[in-house]
Amino acid sequence: MISKPLYRTTRGQAYVGDSLELLAELPDSSIDLVMTSPPFALRRQKTYGNVEESEYVAWIKPFGVEVFRILKDTGSFVLDLGGAYRSGIPSRSLYNFRVLLTFCDDIGFRLAEDFYWFNPSKLPSPIEWVNKRKMRAKDSVNTVWWFSKSDFPKADVRNVLAPYSERMKKLIEDPESFYKPKKRPSGHDISSGFARDNGGAIPSNLLSIPNTESNSGYLRMCKEFGVERHPARFPLELPTFFIKMLTAKGDTVLDIFAGSNTTGFAAEILDRNWLSFELNQEYIASSVFRFLEGQELGLISKILDMLRDSHADYLLQDFEYTLDLKKTEKGEKERGGQTAFF
């Protein structure tokens, strides 16, 4: 890329700037996965720059056009969109479905699959229709569109198998006493092979992931240094799921609305190369906290000062940083280094 990043790690680069301008610097067919959560079309203006519902499709379409260009033929585009209500009435907006149709009909994307992220910890909203008038259930599900550039994108659900239920574990341990092969009312013939241990269950397209980050290193350091934390962070497990399912080690992952760089951090953990684009310099600068947990506050303060330059090109290489994820071994450490992708 022509632009210089704000900071770099062993596998990735974080940039400050307009995503459309930064996308234009990428070559055709160069990215394996774009995973992002853009500002939603909310009626209430947020600090991270959401766009009015009526303008949303026209606003986001150019990003889709550029993403289609830079994706490899086997690549995927995963787009997380939260729901919204129409102004002043308890009627749902269809903006996220209009985005889906526009991207497929006008740009040429395929809808590989529709996913739904259920956040069981989400607070009741919108206040008017849920809390005050009690006319609607709380809105706790986001649509997550998995777009692809071709009919057969790279994907392997074996990389994201879910733990077996207790019932299934018993079936695997003793299939003869627990289950007898038979035909179901639907006509499906369930054979004894159903009791084979495949290492886990195929996940559904309903992802139940609570967004309960409250004491992470990122949040602690935002408080410590008086930096505004990004108000709309998705949980680390969400990009992790799609990165594992849709890419392999060494592939390149891009987030065009990076915010606090959760996607880049997940990619780093999983040995993928990554690029992150974010318009708000303060948000992407403070995202470096994710890679600095356990470091001395004085060092972190110096790095934060350096990142006041939007093209600081700071390289995280002279110290170790701890990468923490549920599926990462406790205490695992990686050393930062230098990699340039484009």
Protein backbone atom coordinates (compact mmCIF):
# COMPACT_ATOMS: atom_id res chain seq x y z
CA MET A 1 0.00 0.00 0.00
CA ILE A 2 1.05 3.60 -0.60
CA SER A 3 -0.23 4.89 2.75
CA LYS A 4 1.77 4.23 5.89
CA PRO A 5 0.05 2.43 8.75
CA LEU A 6 -0.43 3.82 12.23
CA TYR A 7 1.13 0.68 13.69
CA ARG A 8 2.23 -2.80 12.65
CA THR A 9 2.62 -6.19 14.26
CA THR A 10 4.20 -9.40 13.08
CA ARG A 11 1.24 -10.11 10.80
CA GLY A 12 -0.79 -6.98 10.38
CA GLN A 13 -1.11 -3.26 9.79
CA ALA A 14 -3.60 -0.73 11.16
CA TYR A 15 -4.37 2.35 9.06
CA VAL A 16 -6.08 5.66 9.77
CA GLY A 17 -8.16 7.02 6.92
CA ASP A 18 -11.22 6.81 4.72
CA SER A 19 -11.78 3.14 3.92
CA LEU A 20 -12.79 3.86 0.32
CA GLU A 21 -9.51 5.65 -0.31
CA LEU A 22 -7.51 2.92 1.40
CA LEU A 23 -9.38 0.17 -0.47
CA ALA A 24 -8.39 1.85 -3.74
CA GLU A 25 -4.74 1.19 -2.87
CA LEU A 26 -5.26 -2.59 -2.72
CA PRO A 27 -4.74 -4.73 -5.84
CA ASP A 28 -7.52 -6.77 -7.39
CA SER A 29 -8.18 -10.25 -5.99
CA SER A 30 -5.79 -9.86 -3.06
CA ILE A 31 -7.89 -10.45 0.09
CA ASP A 32 -9.23 -13.76 1.43
CA LEU A 33 -11.78 -12.41 3.91
CA VAL A 34 -13.34 -9.06 4.70
CA MET A 35 -14.94 -9.20 8.14
CA THR A 36 -16.54 -6.02 9.38
CA SER A 37 -19.33 -4.34 11.31
CA PRO A 38 -20.10 -0.90 9.84
CA PRO A 39 -22.00 1.83 11.67
CA PHE A 40 -25.64 0.75 11.74
CA ALA A 41 -28.56 2.74 10.32
CA LEU A 42 -29.84 3.87 13.70
CA ARG A 43 -32.35 6.64 14.24
CA ARG A 44 -30.26 8.03 17.08
CA GLN A 45 -26.92 9.50 16.06
CA LYS A 46 -23.91 7.76 17.59
CA THR A 47 -20.39 9.04 18.16
CA TYR A 48 -18.93 6.47 15.75
CA GLY A 49 -20.70 7.96 12.73
CA ASN A 50 -23.83 6.04 11.81
CA VAL A 51 -25.78 7.01 8.68
CA GLU A 52 -29.54 7.68 8.42
CA GLU A 53 -31.61 4.68 7.33
CA SER A 54 -32.91 6.29 4.15
CA GLU A 55 -29.35 7.03 2.98
CA TYR A 56 -27.73 3.84 4.19
CA VAL A 57 -27.83 1.63 1.10
CA ALA A 58 -26.47 4.40 -1.13
CA TRP A 59 -23.74 5.11 1.44
CA ILE A 60 -22.54 1.52 1.90
CA LYS A 61 -22.80 0.35 -1.73
CA PRO A 62 -19.46 1.87 -2.87
CA PHE A 63 -17.72 -0.05 -0.10
CA GLY A 64 -19.32 -3.25 -1.39
CA VAL A 65 -18.14 -2.52 -4.94
CA GLU A 66 -14.54 -2.09 -3.75
CA VAL A 67 -14.68 -5.18 -1.55
CA PHE A 68 -15.90 -7.25 -4.51
CA ARG A 69 -12.92 -6.04 -6.52
CA ILE A 70 -10.24 -6.82 -3.95
CA LEU A 71 -11.61 -10.22 -2.89
CA LYS A 72 -10.07 -13.35 -4.31
CA ASP A 73 -12.44 -15.59 -6.27
CA THR A 74 -12.47 -17.93 -3.27
CA GLY A 75 -12.87 -15.05 -0.83
CA SER A 76 -15.72 -14.06 1.47
CA PHE A 77 -17.25 -10.86 2.83
CA VAL A 78 -18.91 -11.14 6.24
CA LEU A 79 -21.07 -8.15 7.14
CA ASP A 80 -22.56 -7.74 10.63
CA LEU A 81 -25.60 -5.44 10.65
CA GLY A 82 -27.74 -4.66 13.67
CA GLY A 83 -31.47 -4.12 13.45
CA ALA A 84 -33.26 -0.78 13.62
CA TYR A 85 -36.77 0.66 13.94
CA ARG A 86 -38.38 3.21 11.69
CA SER A 87 -38.58 6.73 13.05
CA GLY A 88 -41.32 7.29 15.60
CA ILE A 89 -43.20 4.00 15.10
CA PRO A 90 -42.77 0.41 16.38
CA SER A 91 -42.10 -0.92 12.87
CA ARG A 92 -38.82 -2.50 11.85
CA SER A 93 -36.51 -1.01 9.26
CA LEU A 94 -35.66 -3.21 6.31
CA TYR A 95 -32.32 -1.51 5.65
CA ASN A 96 -30.21 -4.60 6.37
CA PHE A 97 -32.27 -6.65 3.91
CA ARG A 98 -32.05 -3.88 1.31
CA VAL A 99 -28.25 -4.00 1.69
CA LEU A 100 -28.38 -7.76 1.12
CA LEU A 101 -30.44 -7.43 -2.07
CA THR A 102 -28.37 -4.54 -3.41
CA PHE A 103 -25.09 -6.35 -2.87
CA CYS A 104 -26.36 -9.46 -4.64
CA ASP A 105 -28.47 -7.88 -7.41
CA ASP A 106 -26.33 -4.85 -8.25
CA ILE A 107 -22.77 -5.77 -7.29
CA GLY A 108 -22.72 -9.50 -8.03
CA PHE A 109 -22.17 -11.07 -4.61
CA ARG A 110 -23.64 -14.46 -3.79
CA LEU A 111 -25.30 -14.95 -0.42
CA ALA A 112 -23.32 -17.97 0.73
CA GLU A 113 -25.36 -18.14 3.94
CA ASP A 114 -27.29 -15.94 6.30
CA PHE A 115 -26.08 -16.00 9.92
CA TYR A 116 -27.70 -14.53 13.01
CA TRP A 117 -25.75 -13.37 16.03
CA PHE A 118 -27.79 -13.69 19.23
CA ASN A 119 -26.42 -11.59 22.08
CA PRO A 120 -28.16 -12.94 25.22
CA SER A 121 -26.61 -10.19 27.35
CA LYS A 122 -27.96 -7.29 25.31
CA LEU A 123 -29.97 -4.74 27.27
CA PRO A 124 -33.65 -4.23 26.37
CA SER A 125 -34.07 -1.76 23.52
CA PRO A 126 -35.43 0.38 21.98
CA ILE A 127 -36.50 2.01 25.24
CA GLU A 128 -39.75 3.52 23.90
CA TRP A 129 -41.26 0.30 22.56
CA VAL A 130 -39.68 -2.27 24.88
CA ASN A 131 -39.13 -0.63 28.28
CA LYS A 132 -41.75 2.11 28.42
CA ARG A 133 -44.74 0.89 26.41
CA LYS A 134 -43.81 -2.79 26.55
CA MET A 135 -45.08 -3.39 23.02
CA ARG A 136 -42.07 -5.24 21.61
CA ALA A 137 -39.52 -7.85 22.68
CA LYS A 138 -35.94 -6.69 23.07
CA ASP A 139 -33.85 -6.57 19.92
CA SER A 140 -30.95 -8.97 20.58
CA VAL A 141 -30.19 -10.52 17.16
CA ASN A 142 -27.96 -9.08 14.43
CA THR A 143 -28.06 -10.24 10.83
CA VAL A 144 -24.64 -11.40 9.64
CA TRP A 145 -24.54 -11.78 5.86
CA TRP A 146 -21.89 -14.12 4.51
CA PHE A 147 -21.29 -12.94 0.95
CA SER A 148 -19.01 -14.69 -1.52
CA LYS A 149 -17.54 -13.67 -4.85
CA SER A 150 -18.11 -17.10 -6.41
CA ASP A 151 -20.40 -20.08 -5.89
CA PHE A 152 -17.72 -22.04 -4.08
CA PRO A 153 -15.77 -19.84 -1.63
CA LYS A 154 -13.14 -21.32 0.65
CA ALA A 155 -14.91 -22.72 3.73
CA ASP A 156 -14.55 -25.61 6.16
CA VAL A 157 -17.01 -26.01 9.04
CA ARG A 158 -14.74 -28.66 10.55
CA ASN A 159 -12.64 -25.77 11.82
CA VAL A 160 -15.52 -24.45 13.95
CA LEU A 161 -17.18 -27.60 15.28
CA ALA A 162 -19.33 -27.09 18.35
CA PRO A 163 -19.04 -29.27 21.48
CA TYR A 164 -21.32 -32.31 21.50
CA SER A 165 -24.38 -32.25 23.73
CA GLU A 166 -24.44 -34.63 26.70
CA ARG A 167 -27.00 -36.75 24.88
CA MET A 168 -24.75 -37.06 21.85
CA LYS A 169 -21.77 -37.97 24.03
CA LYS A 170 -23.77 -40.84 25.51
CA LEU A 171 -24.80 -41.99 22.06
CA ILE A 172 -21.17 -42.07 20.91
CA GLU A 173 -20.04 -43.96 24.02
CA ASP A 174 -22.69 -46.67 23.76
CA PRO A 175 -24.67 -46.41 20.52
CA GLU A 176 -26.32 -49.85 20.69
CA SER A 177 -28.04 -49.32 24.03
CA PHE A 178 -28.80 -45.67 23.48
CA TYR A 179 -29.97 -45.54 19.89
CA LYS A 180 -31.35 -47.85 17.22
CA PRO A 181 -31.04 -46.92 13.53
CA LYS A 182 -34.43 -46.11 12.04
CA LYS A 183 -36.24 -43.97 9.55
CA ARG A 184 -37.52 -40.65 10.80
CA PRO A 185 -41.04 -39.37 9.98
CA SER A 186 -39.40 -36.98 7.52
CA GLY A 187 -38.14 -39.96 5.53
CA HIS A 188 -34.48 -39.51 6.47
CA ASP A 189 -32.72 -42.81 7.15
CA ILE A 190 -30.57 -42.37 10.27
CA SER A 191 -27.99 -45.16 10.21
CA SER A 192 -25.59 -46.40 12.87
CA GLY A 193 -22.96 -44.11 11.35
CA PHE A 194 -24.79 -41.28 13.07
CA ALA A 195 -23.00 -42.33 16.28
CA ARG A 196 -19.51 -41.71 14.85
CA ASP A 197 -17.32 -39.29 16.78
CA ASN A 198 -16.34 -36.51 14.34
CA GLY A 199 -14.77 -34.29 16.96
CA GLY A 200 -17.80 -32.07 17.45
CA ALA A 201 -21.15 -31.03 16.04
CA ILE A 202 -21.66 -28.96 12.91
CA PRO A 203 -22.57 -25.45 14.15
CA SER A 204 -25.83 -23.79 13.25
CA ASN A 205 -26.17 -20.40 11.59
CA LEU A 206 -27.47 -18.99 14.88
CA LEU A 207 -24.43 -17.89 16.86
CA SER A 208 -25.14 -17.35 20.55
CA ILE A 209 -22.28 -15.17 21.77
CA PRO A 210 -22.72 -12.82 24.75
CA ASN A 211 -21.09 -9.43 24.38
CA THR A 212 -20.03 -9.05 27.99
CA GLU A 213 -16.54 -7.56 27.79
CA SER A 214 -16.20 -5.59 31.02
CA ASN A 215 -12.68 -6.03 32.37
CA SER A 216 -10.47 -6.69 29.37
CA GLY A 217 -7.01 -5.23 29.03
CA TYR A 218 -8.35 -2.96 26.31
CA LEU A 219 -11.02 -1.47 28.59
CA ARG A 220 -8.70 -1.20 31.60
CA MET A 221 -6.11 0.71 29.59
CA CYS A 222 -8.72 3.00 28.02
CA LYS A 223 -9.72 3.94 31.55
CA GLU A 224 -6.11 4.21 32.74
CA PHE A 225 -5.14 6.65 29.97
CA GLY A 226 -8.43 8.54 29.76
CA VAL A 227 -9.06 7.41 26.20
CA GLU A 228 -12.56 7.06 24.80
CA ARG A 229 -13.35 3.39 24.23
CA HIS A 230 -15.15 2.37 21.08
CA PRO A 231 -18.86 2.10 22.02
CA ALA A 232 -19.86 -0.65 19.57
CA ARG A 233 -17.34 -3.48 19.85
CA PHE A 234 -18.31 -6.98 18.79
CA PRO A 235 -16.96 -9.89 20.89
CA LEU A 236 -13.70 -11.56 19.91
CA GLU A 237 -15.51 -14.86 19.34
CA LEU A 238 -17.52 -13.48 16.41
CA PRO A 239 -14.66 -12.68 13.99
CA THR A 240 -12.78 -15.71 15.33
CA PHE A 241 -15.57 -18.02 14.14
CA PHE A 242 -15.56 -16.69 10.58
CA ILE A 243 -11.78 -16.37 10.32
CA LYS A 244 -11.40 -20.02 11.32
CA MET A 245 -14.17 -21.22 9.01
CA LEU A 246 -13.34 -19.15 5.92
CA THR A 247 -9.55 -18.79 5.90
CA ALA A 248 -6.35 -20.77 6.46
CA LYS A 249 -3.14 -19.79 8.21
CA GLY A 250 -1.25 -17.24 6.15
CA ASP A 251 -4.40 -15.86 4.46
CA THR A 252 -5.18 -12.15 4.64
CA VAL A 253 -8.14 -10.72 6.58
CA LEU A 254 -9.36 -7.13 6.22
CA ASP A 255 -11.68 -5.04 8.40
CA ILE A 256 -12.77 -1.81 6.69
CA PHE A 257 -14.54 -0.39 9.78
CA ALA A 258 -12.03 -1.59 12.32
CA GLY A 259 -13.06 0.38 15.40
CA SER A 260 -11.02 -1.11 18.26
CA ASN A 261 -9.46 -3.67 15.89
CA THR A 262 -11.06 -6.81 17.33
CA THR A 263 -10.87 -8.46 13.89
CA GLY A 264 -7.17 -7.71 13.48
CA PHE A 265 -6.43 -9.03 16.96
CA ALA A 266 -8.34 -12.25 16.28
CA ALA A 267 -6.48 -12.68 12.98
CA GLU A 268 -3.13 -12.21 14.71
CA ILE A 269 -3.99 -14.89 17.25
CA LEU A 270 -4.97 -17.28 14.47
CA ASP A 271 -1.81 -16.78 12.39
CA ARG A 272 -3.53 -14.84 9.61
CA ASN A 273 -2.21 -11.67 8.02
CA TRP A 274 -4.48 -8.69 8.57
CA LEU A 275 -5.24 -5.14 7.54
CA SER A 276 -7.46 -2.75 9.49
CA PHE A 277 -8.90 0.55 8.26
CA GLU A 278 -10.50 3.08 10.63
CA LEU A 279 -11.47 6.72 10.09
CA ASN A 280 -11.27 7.71 13.76
CA GLN A 281 -7.62 7.97 14.79
CA GLU A 282 -8.32 7.83 18.52
CA TYR A 283 -10.21 4.54 18.18
CA ILE A 284 -7.53 2.78 16.14
CA ALA A 285 -4.70 4.25 18.24
CA SER A 286 -6.21 2.87 21.44
CA SER A 287 -6.73 -0.49 19.72
CA VAL A 288 -2.99 -1.03 20.21
CA PHE A 289 -3.89 -1.78 23.85
CA ARG A 290 -5.10 -5.20 22.68
CA PHE A 291 -1.52 -6.11 21.79
CA LEU A 292 0.10 -4.57 24.89
CA GLU A 293 -1.54 -6.29 27.82
CA GLY A 294 1.01 -6.98 30.55
CA GLN A 295 3.40 -4.22 29.46
CA GLU A 296 4.58 -1.42 31.72
CA LEU A 297 2.34 1.65 31.76
CA GLY A 298 5.28 3.93 30.97
CA LEU A 299 6.03 2.04 27.76
CA ILE A 300 2.36 2.00 26.77
CA SER A 301 2.16 5.76 27.36
CA LYS A 302 5.15 6.36 25.07
CA ILE A 303 3.65 4.22 22.33
CA LEU A 304 0.31 6.02 22.62
CA ASP A 305 2.10 9.38 22.24
CA MET A 306 3.84 8.13 19.10
CA LEU A 307 0.50 7.12 17.63
CA ARG A 308 -0.71 10.72 17.63
CA ASP A 309 0.90 10.85 14.17
CA SER A 310 -1.64 9.23 11.82
CA HIS A 311 1.21 7.69 9.77
CA ALA A 312 3.47 6.78 12.67
CA ASP A 313 4.25 3.36 11.17
CA TYR A 314 5.12 2.12 14.66
CA LEU A 315 6.41 -1.45 14.75
CA LEU A 316 5.51 -3.64 17.71
CA GLN A 317 8.62 -5.78 17.81
CA ASP A 318 10.82 -5.10 20.81
CA PHE A 319 8.68 -6.79 23.44
CA GLU A 320 6.35 -9.70 23.90
CA TYR A 321 2.61 -9.33 24.07
CA THR A 322 0.12 -11.86 25.34
CA LEU A 323 -2.65 -13.05 23.06
CA ASP A 324 -5.66 -14.29 24.95
CA LEU A 325 -8.57 -16.26 23.53
CA LYS A 326 -10.67 -19.07 24.98
CA LYS A 327 -9.14 -21.59 22.62
CA THR A 328 -5.61 -20.25 23.07
CA GLU A 329 -3.45 -22.01 25.63
CA LYS A 330 -3.09 -20.05 28.84
CA GLY A 331 0.09 -18.02 28.90
CA GLU A 332 0.82 -18.38 25.19
CA LYS A 333 3.03 -15.56 23.90
CA GLU A 334 4.01 -14.30 20.48
CA ARG A 335 6.76 -11.87 19.44
CA GLY A 336 5.92 -8.98 17.17
CA GLY A 337 7.83 -8.48 13.93
CA GLN A 338 7.63 -6.85 10.54
CA THR A 339 5.52 -7.92 7.59
CA ALA A 340 4.40 -5.80 4.63
CA PHE A 341 1.59 -7.20 2.51
CA PHE A 342 0.84 -4.64 -0.22
